[in-house]
C-alpha cells in the first residue's frame, strides 16, 4: 500500500505538457542496475494537459532508481484492486517510444 498524495489525478493530467497515462505495464524484472523496459497497455497519450487518444505498441523504459528520484506528484485517489492499493504517480525522465 502506498499512501495517497495531495493532488487530484485530473490536476496531474492538466499539469502534463506531454506524457502518457499508464494504465498497465507489461515487462520483466528490472536488471541488476535498475534498468527496465516494457510495453504500455490500457494507456493514453496526454498533450497540453488533456488526454488525446489511446496508445498501442508503445515501449516504456527507464531506471527504477532514477524514476523514484524523479517523482513529481502522487494522487489523492487510489486504485484498490484487492491485491494492492496504489495512487497514480507522476514522474519525469521515462523514455516513451512508439510507432
PDB file of N, CA and C in Angstrom:
ATOM      1  N   UNK A   1       0.846  -1.170   0.000  1.00  0.00           N
ATOM      2  CA  UNK A   1       0.000   0.000   0.000  1.00  0.00           C
ATOM      3  C   UNK A   1       0.898   1.241   0.000  1.00  0.00           C
ATOM      4  N   UNK A   2       0.551   2.188  -0.830  1.00  0.00           N
ATOM      5  CA  UNK A   2       1.248   3.473  -0.881  1.00  0.00           C
ATOM      6  C   UNK A   2       0.260   4.547  -0.450  1.00  0.00           C
ATOM      7  N   UNK A   3       0.682   5.394   0.471  1.00  0.00           N
ATOM      8  CA  UNK A   3      -0.182   6.468   0.965  1.00  0.00           C
ATOM      9  C   UNK A   3      -0.505   7.454  -0.165  1.00  0.00           C
ATOM     10  N   UNK A   4      -1.702   8.035  -0.136  1.00  0.00           N
ATOM     11  CA  UNK A   4      -2.078   8.999  -1.181  1.00  0.00           C
ATOM     12  C   UNK A   4      -1.329  10.317  -1.019  1.00  0.00           C
ATOM     13  N   UNK A   5      -1.322  11.092  -2.106  1.00  0.00           N
ATOM     14  CA  UNK A   5      -0.719  12.419  -2.095  1.00  0.00           C
ATOM     15  C   UNK A   5      -1.775  13.486  -1.927  1.00  0.00           C
ATOM     16  N   UNK A   6      -1.459  14.691  -2.430  1.00  0.00           N
ATOM     17  CA  UNK A   6      -2.335  15.842  -2.230  1.00  0.00           C
ATOM     18  C   UNK A   6      -3.075  16.295  -3.482  1.00  0.00           C
ATOM     19  N   UNK A   7      -2.645  15.848  -4.661  1.00  0.00           N
ATOM     20  CA  UNK A   7      -3.185  16.383  -5.912  1.00  0.00           C
ATOM     21  C   UNK A   7      -4.160  15.391  -6.551  1.00  0.00           C
ATOM     22  N   UNK A   8      -5.252  15.914  -7.089  1.00  0.00           N
ATOM     23  CA  UNK A   8      -6.216  15.086  -7.806  1.00  0.00           C
ATOM     24  C   UNK A   8      -5.601  14.607  -9.122  1.00  0.00           C
ATOM     25  N   UNK A   9      -5.966  13.405  -9.538  1.00  0.00           N
ATOM     26  CA  UNK A   9      -5.468  12.862 -10.803  1.00  0.00           C
ATOM     27  C   UNK A   9      -5.751  13.828 -11.941  1.00  0.00           C
ATOM     28  N   UNK A  10      -6.944  14.409 -11.968  1.00  0.00           N
ATOM     29  CA  UNK A  10      -7.303  15.348 -13.036  1.00  0.00           C
ATOM     30  C   UNK A  10      -6.344  16.536 -13.081  1.00  0.00           C
ATOM     31  N   UNK A  11      -5.941  17.034 -11.913  1.00  0.00           N
ATOM     32  CA  UNK A  11      -4.978  18.135 -11.856  1.00  0.00           C
ATOM     33  C   UNK A  11      -3.601  17.694 -12.368  1.00  0.00           C
ATOM     34  N   UNK A  12      -3.230  16.456 -12.062  1.00  0.00           N
ATOM     35  CA  UNK A  12      -1.949  15.928 -12.539  1.00  0.00           C
ATOM     36  C   UNK A  12      -1.950  15.869 -14.065  1.00  0.00           C
ATOM     37  N   UNK A  13      -3.057  15.404 -14.626  1.00  0.00           N
ATOM     38  CA  UNK A  13      -3.174  15.343 -16.088  1.00  0.00           C
ATOM     39  C   UNK A  13      -3.094  16.750 -16.673  1.00  0.00           C
ATOM     40  N   UNK A  14      -3.817  17.689 -16.078  1.00  0.00           N
ATOM     41  CA  UNK A  14      -3.828  19.066 -16.581  1.00  0.00           C
ATOM     42  C   UNK A  14      -2.454  19.728 -16.493  1.00  0.00           C
ATOM     43  N   UNK A  15      -1.597  19.273 -15.579  1.00  0.00           N
ATOM     44  CA  UNK A  15      -0.262  19.861 -15.424  1.00  0.00           C
ATOM     45  C   UNK A  15       0.782  19.196 -16.320  1.00  0.00           C
ATOM     46  N   UNK A  16       0.360  18.243 -17.155  1.00  0.00           N
ATOM     47  CA  UNK A  16       1.287  17.484 -18.003  1.00  0.00           C
ATOM     48  C   UNK A  16       1.306  18.064 -19.412  1.00  0.00           C
ATOM     49  N   UNK A  17       2.428  18.682 -19.831  1.00  0.00           N
ATOM     50  CA  UNK A  17       2.514  19.212 -21.193  1.00  0.00           C
ATOM     51  C   UNK A  17       2.485  18.101 -22.245  1.00  0.00           C
ATOM     52  N   UNK A  18       3.201  17.011 -21.966  1.00  0.00           N
ATOM     53  CA  UNK A  18       3.251  15.880 -22.895  1.00  0.00           C
ATOM     54  C   UNK A  18       3.654  14.644 -22.109  1.00  0.00           C
ATOM     55  N   UNK A  19       2.858  13.582 -22.206  1.00  0.00           N
ATOM     56  CA  UNK A  19       3.172  12.375 -21.454  1.00  0.00           C
ATOM     57  C   UNK A  19       2.206  11.253 -21.736  1.00  0.00           C
ATOM     58  N   UNK A  20       2.231  10.261 -20.859  1.00  0.00           N
ATOM     59  CA  UNK A  20       1.391   9.076 -21.003  1.00  0.00           C
ATOM     60  C   UNK A  20       0.729   8.779 -19.664  1.00  0.00           C
ATOM     61  N   UNK A  21      -0.562   8.497 -19.710  1.00  0.00           N
ATOM     62  CA  UNK A  21      -1.280   7.986 -18.555  1.00  0.00           C
ATOM     63  C   UNK A  21      -1.197   6.469 -18.670  1.00  0.00           C
ATOM     64  N   UNK A  22      -0.346   5.879 -17.862  1.00  0.00           N
ATOM     65  CA  UNK A  22      -0.029   4.452 -17.969  1.00  0.00           C
ATOM     66  C   UNK A  22      -1.019   3.633 -17.161  1.00  0.00           C
ATOM     67  N   UNK A  23      -1.882   2.896 -17.865  1.00  0.00           N
ATOM     68  CA  UNK A  23      -2.873   2.058 -17.208  1.00  0.00           C
ATOM     69  C   UNK A  23      -2.307   0.741 -16.736  1.00  0.00           C
ATOM     70  N   UNK A  24      -1.396   0.162 -17.535  1.00  0.00           N
ATOM     71  CA  UNK A  24      -0.780  -1.117 -17.184  1.00  0.00           C
ATOM     72  C   UNK A  24       0.559  -1.210 -17.879  1.00  0.00           C
ATOM     73  N   UNK A  25       1.513  -1.837 -17.232  1.00  0.00           N
ATOM     74  CA  UNK A  25       2.862  -2.017 -17.770  1.00  0.00           C
ATOM     75  C   UNK A  25       3.127  -3.499 -17.904  1.00  0.00           C
ATOM     76  N   UNK A  26       3.546  -3.946 -19.092  1.00  0.00           N
ATOM     77  CA  UNK A  26       3.866  -5.343 -19.331  1.00  0.00           C
ATOM     78  C   UNK A  26       5.356  -5.456 -19.608  1.00  0.00           C
ATOM     79  N   UNK A  27       6.104  -5.917 -18.615  1.00  0.00           N
ATOM     80  CA  UNK A  27       7.553  -6.036 -18.760  1.00  0.00           C
ATOM     81  C   UNK A  27       8.100  -7.031 -17.758  1.00  0.00           C
ATOM     82  N   UNK A  28       9.361  -7.355 -17.905  1.00  0.00           N
ATOM     83  CA  UNK A  28      10.015  -8.284 -16.997  1.00  0.00           C
ATOM     84  C   UNK A  28      10.583  -7.564 -15.786  1.00  0.00           C
ATOM     85  N   UNK A  29      11.377  -8.279 -15.024  1.00  0.00           N
ATOM     86  CA  UNK A  29      12.038  -7.697 -13.862  1.00  0.00           C
ATOM     87  C   UNK A  29      13.130  -6.733 -14.300  1.00  0.00           C
ATOM     88  N   UNK A  30      13.372  -5.687 -13.518  1.00  0.00           N
ATOM     89  CA  UNK A  30      14.474  -4.769 -13.847  1.00  0.00           C
ATOM     90  C   UNK A  30      15.818  -5.499 -13.789  1.00  0.00           C
ATOM     91  N   UNK A  31      16.797  -4.982 -14.542  1.00  0.00           N
ATOM     92  CA  UNK A  31      18.140  -5.559 -14.496  1.00  0.00           C
ATOM     93  C   UNK A  31      18.793  -5.228 -13.158  1.00  0.00           C
ATOM     94  N   UNK A  32      19.989  -5.750 -12.924  1.00  0.00           N
ATOM     95  CA  UNK A  32      20.679  -5.520 -11.650  1.00  0.00           C
ATOM     96  C   UNK A  32      20.944  -4.038 -11.390  1.00  0.00           C
ATOM     97  N   UNK A  33      21.129  -3.247 -12.470  1.00  0.00           N
ATOM     98  CA  UNK A  33      21.390  -1.819 -12.271  1.00  0.00           C
ATOM     99  C   UNK A  33      20.100  -0.986 -12.212  1.00  0.00           C
ATOM    100  N   UNK A  34      18.922  -1.652 -12.298  1.00  0.00           N
ATOM    101  CA  UNK A  34      17.651  -0.955 -12.177  1.00  0.00           C
ATOM    102  C   UNK A  34      16.994  -0.573 -13.486  1.00  0.00           C
ATOM    103  N   UNK A  35      17.634  -0.853 -14.617  1.00  0.00           N
ATOM    104  CA  UNK A  35      17.025  -0.533 -15.908  1.00  0.00           C
ATOM    105  C   UNK A  35      15.825  -1.447 -16.162  1.00  0.00           C
ATOM    106  N   UNK A  36      14.790  -0.885 -16.755  1.00  0.00           N
ATOM    107  CA  UNK A  36      13.597  -1.660 -17.089  1.00  0.00           C
ATOM    108  C   UNK A  36      13.079  -1.241 -18.453  1.00  0.00           C
ATOM    109  N   UNK A  37      12.297  -2.104 -19.078  1.00  0.00           N
ATOM    110  CA  UNK A  37      11.595  -1.764 -20.312  1.00  0.00           C
ATOM    111  C   UNK A  37      10.404  -2.692 -20.447  1.00  0.00           C
ATOM    112  N   UNK A  38       9.394  -2.201 -21.141  1.00  0.00           N
ATOM    113  CA  UNK A  38       8.198  -2.986 -21.358  1.00  0.00           C
ATOM    114  C   UNK A  38       7.225  -2.217 -22.230  1.00  0.00           C
ATOM    115  N   UNK A  39       6.030  -2.741 -22.354  1.00  0.00           N
ATOM    116  CA  UNK A  39       5.014  -2.172 -23.233  1.00  0.00           C
ATOM    117  C   UNK A  39       3.887  -1.568 -22.401  1.00  0.00           C
ATOM    118  N   UNK A  40       3.452  -0.374 -22.795  1.00  0.00           N
ATOM    119  CA  UNK A  40       2.308   0.285 -22.162  1.00  0.00           C
ATOM    120  C   UNK A  40       1.029  -0.370 -22.656  1.00  0.00           C
ATOM    121  N   UNK A  41       0.172  -0.749 -21.739  1.00  0.00           N
ATOM    122  CA  UNK A  41      -1.127  -1.344 -22.064  1.00  0.00           C
ATOM    123  C   UNK A  41      -2.218  -0.489 -21.419  1.00  0.00           C
ATOM    124  N   UNK A  42      -3.388  -0.442 -22.030  1.00  0.00           N
ATOM    125  CA  UNK A  42      -4.514   0.344 -21.485  1.00  0.00           C
ATOM    126  C   UNK A  42      -4.048   1.744 -21.092  1.00  0.00           C
ATOM    127  N   UNK A  43      -3.336   2.407 -21.990  1.00  0.00           N
ATOM    128  CA  UNK A  43      -2.708   3.688 -21.695  1.00  0.00           C
ATOM    129  C   UNK A  43      -3.118   4.751 -22.710  1.00  0.00           C
ATOM    130  N   UNK A  44      -2.897   6.026 -22.346  1.00  0.00           N
ATOM    131  CA  UNK A  44      -3.358   7.143 -23.167  1.00  0.00           C
ATOM    132  C   UNK A  44      -2.286   8.215 -23.298  1.00  0.00           C
ATOM    133  N   UNK A  45      -2.243   8.844 -24.468  1.00  0.00           N
ATOM    134  CA  UNK A  45      -1.318   9.951 -24.719  1.00  0.00           C
ATOM    135  C   UNK A  45      -1.924  11.245 -24.176  1.00  0.00           C
ATOM    136  N   UNK A  46      -1.103  12.019 -23.465  1.00  0.00           N
ATOM    137  CA  UNK A  46      -1.519  13.316 -22.923  1.00  0.00           C
ATOM    138  C   UNK A  46      -0.723  14.408 -23.615  1.00  0.00           C
ATOM    139  N   UNK A  47      -1.402  15.464 -24.050  1.00  0.00           N
ATOM    140  CA  UNK A  47      -0.731  16.629 -24.617  1.00  0.00           C
ATOM    141  C   UNK A  47      -1.470  17.878 -24.172  1.00  0.00           C
ATOM    142  N   UNK A  48      -0.708  18.888 -23.773  1.00  0.00           N
ATOM    143  CA  UNK A  48      -1.281  20.157 -23.308  1.00  0.00           C
ATOM    144  C   UNK A  48      -2.337  19.962 -22.221  1.00  0.00           C
ATOM    145  N   UNK A  49      -2.061  19.026 -21.309  1.00  0.00           N
ATOM    146  CA  UNK A  49      -2.946  18.827 -20.170  1.00  0.00           C
ATOM    147  C   UNK A  49      -4.244  18.110 -20.445  1.00  0.00           C
ATOM    148  N   UNK A  50      -4.350  17.474 -21.636  1.00  0.00           N
ATOM    149  CA  UNK A  50      -5.579  16.755 -21.973  1.00  0.00           C
ATOM    150  C   UNK A  50      -5.253  15.378 -22.534  1.00  0.00           C
ATOM    151  N   UNK A  51      -6.076  14.402 -22.161  1.00  0.00           N
ATOM    152  CA  UNK A  51      -5.938  13.066 -22.738  1.00  0.00           C
ATOM    153  C   UNK A  51      -6.369  13.161 -24.195  1.00  0.00           C
ATOM    154  N   UNK A  52      -5.488  12.724 -25.105  1.00  0.00           N
ATOM    155  CA  UNK A  52      -5.745  12.857 -26.537  1.00  0.00           C
ATOM    156  C   UNK A  52      -6.320  11.586 -27.161  1.00  0.00           C
ATOM    157  N   UNK A  53      -5.655  10.451 -26.944  1.00  0.00           N
ATOM    158  CA  UNK A  53      -6.094   9.204 -27.577  1.00  0.00           C
ATOM    159  C   UNK A  53      -5.379   8.013 -26.936  1.00  0.00           C
ATOM    160  N   UNK A  54      -5.948   6.804 -27.113  1.00  0.00           N
ATOM    161  CA  UNK A  54      -5.275   5.603 -26.609  1.00  0.00           C
ATOM    162  C   UNK A  54      -4.015   5.324 -27.425  1.00  0.00           C
ATOM    163  N   UNK A  55      -3.023   4.742 -26.781  1.00  0.00           N
ATOM    164  CA  UNK A  55      -1.787   4.387 -27.483  1.00  0.00           C
ATOM    165  C   UNK A  55      -1.659   2.872 -27.555  1.00  0.00           C
ATOM    166  N   UNK A  56      -0.911   2.394 -28.564  1.00  0.00           N
ATOM    167  CA  UNK A  56      -0.660   0.960 -28.691  1.00  0.00           C
ATOM    168  C   UNK A  56       0.767   0.744 -29.165  1.00  0.00           C
ATOM    169  N   UNK A  57       1.289  -0.453 -28.864  1.00  0.00           N
ATOM    170  CA  UNK A  57       2.650  -0.818 -29.262  1.00  0.00           C
ATOM    171  C   UNK A  57       3.662   0.263 -28.864  1.00  0.00           C
ATOM    172  N   UNK A  58       3.552   0.742 -27.645  1.00  0.00           N
ATOM    173  CA  UNK A  58       4.398   1.824 -27.153  1.00  0.00           C
ATOM    174  C   UNK A  58       5.317   1.293 -26.061  1.00  0.00           C
ATOM    175  N   UNK A  59       6.620   1.455 -26.251  1.00  0.00           N
ATOM    176  CA  UNK A  59       7.619   1.000 -25.289  1.00  0.00           C
ATOM    177  C   UNK A  59       7.845   2.055 -24.216  1.00  0.00           C
ATOM    178  N   UNK A  60       8.038   1.583 -23.004  1.00  0.00           N
ATOM    179  CA  UNK A  60       8.342   2.430 -21.852  1.00  0.00           C
ATOM    180  C   UNK A  60       9.643   1.899 -21.262  1.00  0.00           C
ATOM    181  N   UNK A  61      10.619   2.788 -21.039  1.00  0.00           N
ATOM    182  CA  UNK A  61      11.883   2.335 -20.457  1.00  0.00           C
ATOM    183  C   UNK A  61      12.462   3.406 -19.553  1.00  0.00           C
ATOM    184  N   UNK A  62      13.316   2.969 -18.655  1.00  0.00           N
ATOM    185  CA  UNK A  62      13.957   3.891 -17.730  1.00  0.00           C
ATOM    186  C   UNK A  62      14.746   3.133 -16.691  1.00  0.00           C
ATOM    187  N   UNK A  63      14.985   3.780 -15.572  1.00  0.00           N
ATOM    188  CA  UNK A  63      15.729   3.197 -14.469  1.00  0.00           C
ATOM    189  C   UNK A  63      14.900   3.402 -13.199  1.00  0.00           C
ATOM    190  N   UNK A  64      14.694   2.334 -12.453  1.00  0.00           N
ATOM    191  CA  UNK A  64      13.850   2.376 -11.259  1.00  0.00           C
ATOM    192  C   UNK A  64      14.334   3.426 -10.255  1.00  0.00           C
ATOM    193  N   UNK A  65      15.639   3.469  -9.986  1.00  0.00           N
ATOM    194  CA  UNK A  65      16.171   4.423  -9.010  1.00  0.00           C
ATOM    195  C   UNK A  65      15.939   5.851  -9.487  1.00  0.00           C
ATOM    196  N   UNK A  66      16.239   6.124 -10.755  1.00  0.00           N
ATOM    197  CA  UNK A  66      16.014   7.470 -11.301  1.00  0.00           C
ATOM    198  C   UNK A  66      14.527   7.820 -11.276  1.00  0.00           C
ATOM    199  N   UNK A  67      13.671   6.847 -11.593  1.00  0.00           N
ATOM    200  CA  UNK A  67      12.235   7.082 -11.587  1.00  0.00           C
ATOM    201  C   UNK A  67      11.775   7.497 -10.189  1.00  0.00           C
ATOM    202  N   UNK A  68      12.213   6.779  -9.169  1.00  0.00           N
ATOM    203  CA  UNK A  68      11.812   7.105  -7.801  1.00  0.00           C
ATOM    204  C   UNK A  68      12.356   8.458  -7.362  1.00  0.00           C
ATOM    205  N   UNK A  69      13.509   8.847  -7.875  1.00  0.00           N
ATOM    206  CA  UNK A  69      14.084  10.154  -7.557  1.00  0.00           C
ATOM    207  C   UNK A  69      13.424  11.288  -8.342  1.00  0.00           C
ATOM    208  N   UNK A  70      12.643  10.952  -9.371  1.00  0.00           N
ATOM    209  CA  UNK A  70      12.005  11.961 -10.224  1.00  0.00           C
ATOM    210  C   UNK A  70      10.494  12.012 -10.052  1.00  0.00           C
ATOM    211  N   UNK A  71       9.992  11.597  -8.888  1.00  0.00           N
ATOM    212  CA  UNK A  71       8.555  11.689  -8.619  1.00  0.00           C
ATOM    213  C   UNK A  71       8.178  13.153  -8.471  1.00  0.00           C
ATOM    214  N   UNK A  72       7.175  13.576  -9.236  1.00  0.00           N
ATOM    215  CA  UNK A  72       6.687  14.955  -9.195  1.00  0.00           C
ATOM    216  C   UNK A  72       5.468  15.096  -8.280  1.00  0.00           C
ATOM    217  N   UNK A  73       4.498  14.200  -8.459  1.00  0.00           N
ATOM    218  CA  UNK A  73       3.246  14.265  -7.691  1.00  0.00           C
ATOM    219  C   UNK A  73       2.738  12.854  -7.421  1.00  0.00           C
ATOM    220  N   UNK A  74       1.944  12.738  -6.361  1.00  0.00           N
ATOM    221  CA  UNK A  74       1.234  11.499  -6.040  1.00  0.00           C
ATOM    222  C   UNK A  74      -0.233  11.878  -5.854  1.00  0.00           C
ATOM    223  N   UNK A  75      -1.117  11.134  -6.527  1.00  0.00           N
ATOM    224  CA  UNK A  75      -2.542  11.499  -6.496  1.00  0.00           C
ATOM    225  C   UNK A  75      -3.185  11.175  -5.152  1.00  0.00           C
ATOM    226  N   UNK A  76      -4.262  11.918  -4.874  1.00  0.00           N
ATOM    227  CA  UNK A  76      -5.016  11.624  -3.660  1.00  0.00           C
ATOM    228  C   UNK A  76      -5.962  10.447  -3.875  1.00  0.00           C
ATOM    229  N   UNK A  77      -6.276  10.141  -5.132  1.00  0.00           N
ATOM    230  CA  UNK A  77      -7.090   8.961  -5.439  1.00  0.00           C
ATOM    231  C   UNK A  77      -6.181   7.718  -5.459  1.00  0.00           C
ATOM    232  N   UNK A  78      -6.736   6.608  -5.023  1.00  0.00           N
ATOM    233  CA  UNK A  78      -6.009   5.345  -5.095  1.00  0.00           C
ATOM    234  C   UNK A  78      -6.880   4.285  -5.750  1.00  0.00           C
ATOM    235  N   UNK A  79      -6.237   3.344  -6.415  1.00  0.00           N
ATOM    236  CA  UNK A  79      -6.919   2.226  -7.045  1.00  0.00           C
ATOM    237  C   UNK A  79      -6.676   0.985  -6.186  1.00  0.00           C
ATOM    238  N   UNK A  80      -7.752   0.400  -5.687  1.00  0.00           N
ATOM    239  CA  UNK A  80      -7.660  -0.806  -4.872  1.00  0.00           C
ATOM    240  C   UNK A  80      -8.246  -1.952  -5.675  1.00  0.00           C
ATOM    241  N   UNK A  81      -7.369  -2.858  -6.141  1.00  0.00           N
ATOM    242  CA  UNK A  81      -7.843  -3.984  -6.949  1.00  0.00           C
ATOM    243  C   UNK A  81      -7.963  -5.277  -6.139  1.00  0.00           C
ATOM    244  N   UNK A  82      -7.868  -5.178  -4.818  1.00  0.00           N
ATOM    245  CA  UNK A  82      -7.962  -6.352  -3.962  1.00  0.00           C
ATOM    246  C   UNK A  82      -6.610  -6.938  -3.593  1.00  0.00           C
ATOM    247  N   UNK A  83      -5.584  -6.621  -4.387  1.00  0.00           N
ATOM    248  CA  UNK A  83      -4.229  -7.092  -4.107  1.00  0.00           C
ATOM    249  C   UNK A  83      -3.320  -5.956  -3.663  1.00  0.00           C
ATOM    250  N   UNK A  84      -3.610  -4.763  -4.161  1.00  0.00           N
ATOM    251  CA  UNK A  84      -2.786  -3.598  -3.847  1.00  0.00           C
ATOM    252  C   UNK A  84      -3.653  -2.348  -3.873  1.00  0.00           C
ATOM    253  N   UNK A  85      -3.203  -1.335  -3.166  1.00  0.00           N
ATOM    254  CA  UNK A  85      -3.927  -0.066  -3.103  1.00  0.00           C
ATOM    255  C   UNK A  85      -2.920   1.027  -3.445  1.00  0.00           C
ATOM    256  N   UNK A  86      -2.986   1.520  -4.683  1.00  0.00           N
ATOM    257  CA  UNK A  86      -1.941   2.404  -5.199  1.00  0.00           C
ATOM    258  C   UNK A  86      -2.504   3.697  -5.771  1.00  0.00           C
ATOM    259  N   UNK A  87      -1.835   4.821  -5.481  1.00  0.00           N
ATOM    260  CA  UNK A  87      -2.204   6.083  -6.121  1.00  0.00           C
ATOM    261  C   UNK A  87      -1.558   6.173  -7.503  1.00  0.00           C
ATOM    262  N   UNK A  88      -1.943   7.174  -8.277  1.00  0.00           N
ATOM    263  CA  UNK A  88      -1.268   7.495  -9.519  1.00  0.00           C
ATOM    264  C   UNK A  88      -0.014   8.289  -9.149  1.00  0.00           C
ATOM    265  N   UNK A  89       1.082   8.032  -9.844  1.00  0.00           N
ATOM    266  CA  UNK A  89       2.344   8.718  -9.545  1.00  0.00           C
ATOM    267  C   UNK A  89       2.855   9.373 -10.816  1.00  0.00           C
ATOM    268  N   UNK A  90       3.126  10.673 -10.745  1.00  0.00           N
ATOM    269  CA  UNK A  90       3.636  11.433 -11.886  1.00  0.00           C
ATOM    270  C   UNK A  90       5.157  11.523 -11.760  1.00  0.00           C
ATOM    271  N   UNK A  91       5.864  11.043 -12.804  1.00  0.00           N
ATOM    272  CA  UNK A  91       7.331  11.075 -12.805  1.00  0.00           C
ATOM    273  C   UNK A  91       7.845  11.684 -14.099  1.00  0.00           C
ATOM    274  N   UNK A  92       9.056  12.197 -14.054  1.00  0.00           N
ATOM    275  CA  UNK A  92       9.764  12.696 -15.240  1.00  0.00           C
ATOM    276  C   UNK A  92      10.924  11.757 -15.538  1.00  0.00           C
ATOM    277  N   UNK A  93      11.414  11.828 -16.771  1.00  0.00           N
ATOM    278  CA  UNK A  93      12.623  11.108 -17.139  1.00  0.00           C
ATOM    279  C   UNK A  93      12.438   9.695 -17.651  1.00  0.00           C
ATOM    280  N   UNK A  94      11.214   9.311 -17.960  1.00  0.00           N
ATOM    281  CA  UNK A  94      10.945   7.991 -18.527  1.00  0.00           C
ATOM    282  C   UNK A  94      10.929   8.126 -20.047  1.00  0.00           C
ATOM    283  N   UNK A  95      11.510   7.162 -20.737  1.00  0.00           N
ATOM    284  CA  UNK A  95      11.527   7.186 -22.199  1.00  0.00           C
ATOM    285  C   UNK A  95      10.301   6.470 -22.726  1.00  0.00           C
ATOM    286  N   UNK A  96       9.567   7.134 -23.609  1.00  0.00           N
ATOM    287  CA  UNK A  96       8.385   6.589 -24.258  1.00  0.00           C
ATOM    288  C   UNK A  96       8.662   6.568 -25.760  1.00  0.00           C
ATOM    289  N   UNK A  97       8.521   5.403 -26.386  1.00  0.00           N
ATOM    290  CA  UNK A  97       8.759   5.337 -27.829  1.00  0.00           C
ATOM    291  C   UNK A  97       7.736   4.396 -28.459  1.00  0.00           C
ATOM    292  N   UNK A  98       7.132   4.856 -29.539  1.00  0.00           N
ATOM    293  CA  UNK A  98       6.115   4.057 -30.217  1.00  0.00           C
ATOM    294  C   UNK A  98       6.146   4.284 -31.705  1.00  0.00           C
ATOM    295  N   UNK A  99       5.201   3.666 -32.350  1.00  0.00           N
ATOM    296  CA  UNK A  99       5.103   3.754 -33.806  1.00  0.00           C
ATOM    297  C   UNK A  99       4.605   5.118 -34.232  1.00  0.00           C
TER     298      UNK A  99
END
